[in-house]
């Protein structure tokens, strides 16, 4: 557990440097949009599997 505390301190020291804050923000955005895209892909795959392929485009345009 001591190494975890030490790693957390080092991580925070690196992340909190003003030069790295935009990079951290970018990584959060990448994670969010990756999750969003996989969620939408799963919904589209479900529609295609149910034979409602025409509804995929309609969902994307709404």
C-alpha atoms as a PDB file:
ATOM      1  CA  UNK A   1       0.000   0.000   0.000  1.00  0.00           C
ATOM      2  CA  UNK A   2       2.905   2.345   0.539  1.00  0.00           C
ATOM      3  CA  UNK A   3       3.859   2.140  -3.127  1.00  0.00           C
ATOM      4  CA  UNK A   4       0.289   3.107  -4.071  1.00  0.00           C
ATOM      5  CA  UNK A   5       0.464   6.215  -1.921  1.00  0.00           C
ATOM      6  CA  UNK A   6       3.834   7.084  -3.412  1.00  0.00           C
ATOM      7  CA  UNK A   7       2.525   6.486  -6.940  1.00  0.00           C
ATOM      8  CA  UNK A   8      -0.502   8.687  -6.255  1.00  0.00           C
ATOM      9  CA  UNK A   9       1.724  11.530  -5.069  1.00  0.00           C
ATOM     10  CA  UNK A  10       3.918  11.217  -8.148  1.00  0.00           C
ATOM     11  CA  UNK A  11       0.878  11.017 -10.408  1.00  0.00           C
ATOM     12  CA  UNK A  12      -0.625  14.160  -8.896  1.00  0.00           C
ATOM     13  CA  UNK A  13       2.723  15.968  -9.156  1.00  0.00           C
ATOM     14  CA  UNK A  14       2.842  15.209 -12.892  1.00  0.00           C
ATOM     15  CA  UNK A  15      -0.837  15.841 -13.623  1.00  0.00           C
ATOM     16  CA  UNK A  16      -1.066  19.135 -11.753  1.00  0.00           C
ATOM     17  CA  UNK A  17       1.784  20.823 -13.635  1.00  0.00           C
ATOM     18  CA  UNK A  18       0.176  23.656 -15.654  1.00  0.00           C
ATOM     19  CA  UNK A  19       1.659  22.376 -18.913  1.00  0.00           C
ATOM     20  CA  UNK A  20      -0.071  19.010 -18.477  1.00  0.00           C
ATOM     21  CA  UNK A  21      -3.567  20.197 -17.544  1.00  0.00           C
ATOM     22  CA  UNK A  22      -4.751  20.517 -21.193  1.00  0.00           C
ATOM     23  CA  UNK A  23      -3.425  17.018 -21.889  1.00  0.00           C
ATOM     24  CA  UNK A  24      -5.325  15.599 -18.918  1.00  0.00           C
ATOM     25  CA  UNK A  25      -8.474  17.389 -20.077  1.00  0.00           C
ATOM     26  CA  UNK A  26      -7.976  15.973 -23.572  1.00  0.00           C
ATOM     27  CA  UNK A  27      -7.648  12.437 -22.161  1.00  0.00           C
ATOM     28  CA  UNK A  28     -10.920  12.876 -20.256  1.00  0.00           C
ATOM     29  CA  UNK A  29     -12.630  14.014 -23.462  1.00  0.00           C
ATOM     30  CA  UNK A  30     -11.188  11.095 -25.427  1.00  0.00           C
ATOM     31  CA  UNK A  31     -12.499   8.678 -22.800  1.00  0.00           C
ATOM     32  CA  UNK A  32     -15.940  10.270 -22.834  1.00  0.00           C
ATOM     33  CA  UNK A  33     -16.314  10.273 -26.617  1.00  0.00           C
ATOM     34  CA  UNK A  34     -14.931   6.748 -26.920  1.00  0.00           C
ATOM     35  CA  UNK A  35     -17.545   5.532 -24.437  1.00  0.00           C
ATOM     36  CA  UNK A  36     -20.250   7.466 -26.273  1.00  0.00           C
ATOM     37  CA  UNK A  37     -19.272   6.028 -29.655  1.00  0.00           C
ATOM     38  CA  UNK A  38     -19.167   2.442 -28.379  1.00  0.00           C
ATOM     39  CA  UNK A  39     -22.581   2.918 -26.757  1.00  0.00           C
ATOM     40  CA  UNK A  40     -24.043   4.170 -30.029  1.00  0.00           C
ATOM     41  CA  UNK A  41     -22.364   1.369 -31.963  1.00  0.00           C
ATOM     42  CA  UNK A  42     -23.891  -1.194 -29.603  1.00  0.00           C
ATOM     43  CA  UNK A  43     -27.357   0.322 -30.142  1.00  0.00           C
ATOM     44  CA  UNK A  44     -26.880   0.309 -33.921  1.00  0.00           C
ATOM     45  CA  UNK A  45     -25.669  -3.293 -33.886  1.00  0.00           C
ATOM     46  CA  UNK A  46     -28.750  -4.277 -31.885  1.00  0.00           C
ATOM     47  CA  UNK A  47     -31.025  -2.605 -34.450  1.00  0.00           C
ATOM     48  CA  UNK A  48     -29.219  -4.316 -37.337  1.00  0.00           C
ATOM     49  CA  UNK A  49     -29.470  -7.658 -35.534  1.00  0.00           C
ATOM     50  CA  UNK A  50     -33.220  -7.161 -35.164  1.00  0.00           C
ATOM     51  CA  UNK A  51     -33.516  -6.504 -38.891  1.00  0.00           C
ATOM     52  CA  UNK A  52     -34.260  -2.786 -38.511  1.00  0.00           C
ATOM     53  CA  UNK A  53     -31.274  -1.540 -40.510  1.00  0.00           C
ATOM     54  CA  UNK A  54     -33.245   1.408 -41.938  1.00  0.00           C
ATOM     55  CA  UNK A  55     -33.742   2.841 -38.436  1.00  0.00           C
ATOM     56  CA  UNK A  56     -29.986   3.222 -37.880  1.00  0.00           C
ATOM     57  CA  UNK A  57     -29.716   6.172 -40.248  1.00  0.00           C
ATOM     58  CA  UNK A  58     -32.913   7.700 -38.871  1.00  0.00           C
ATOM     59  CA  UNK A  59     -31.533   7.497 -35.321  1.00  0.00           C
ATOM     60  CA  UNK A  60     -28.312   9.196 -36.398  1.00  0.00           C
ATOM     61  CA  UNK A  61     -30.172  12.036 -38.092  1.00  0.00           C
ATOM     62  CA  UNK A  62     -32.460  12.788 -35.129  1.00  0.00           C
END
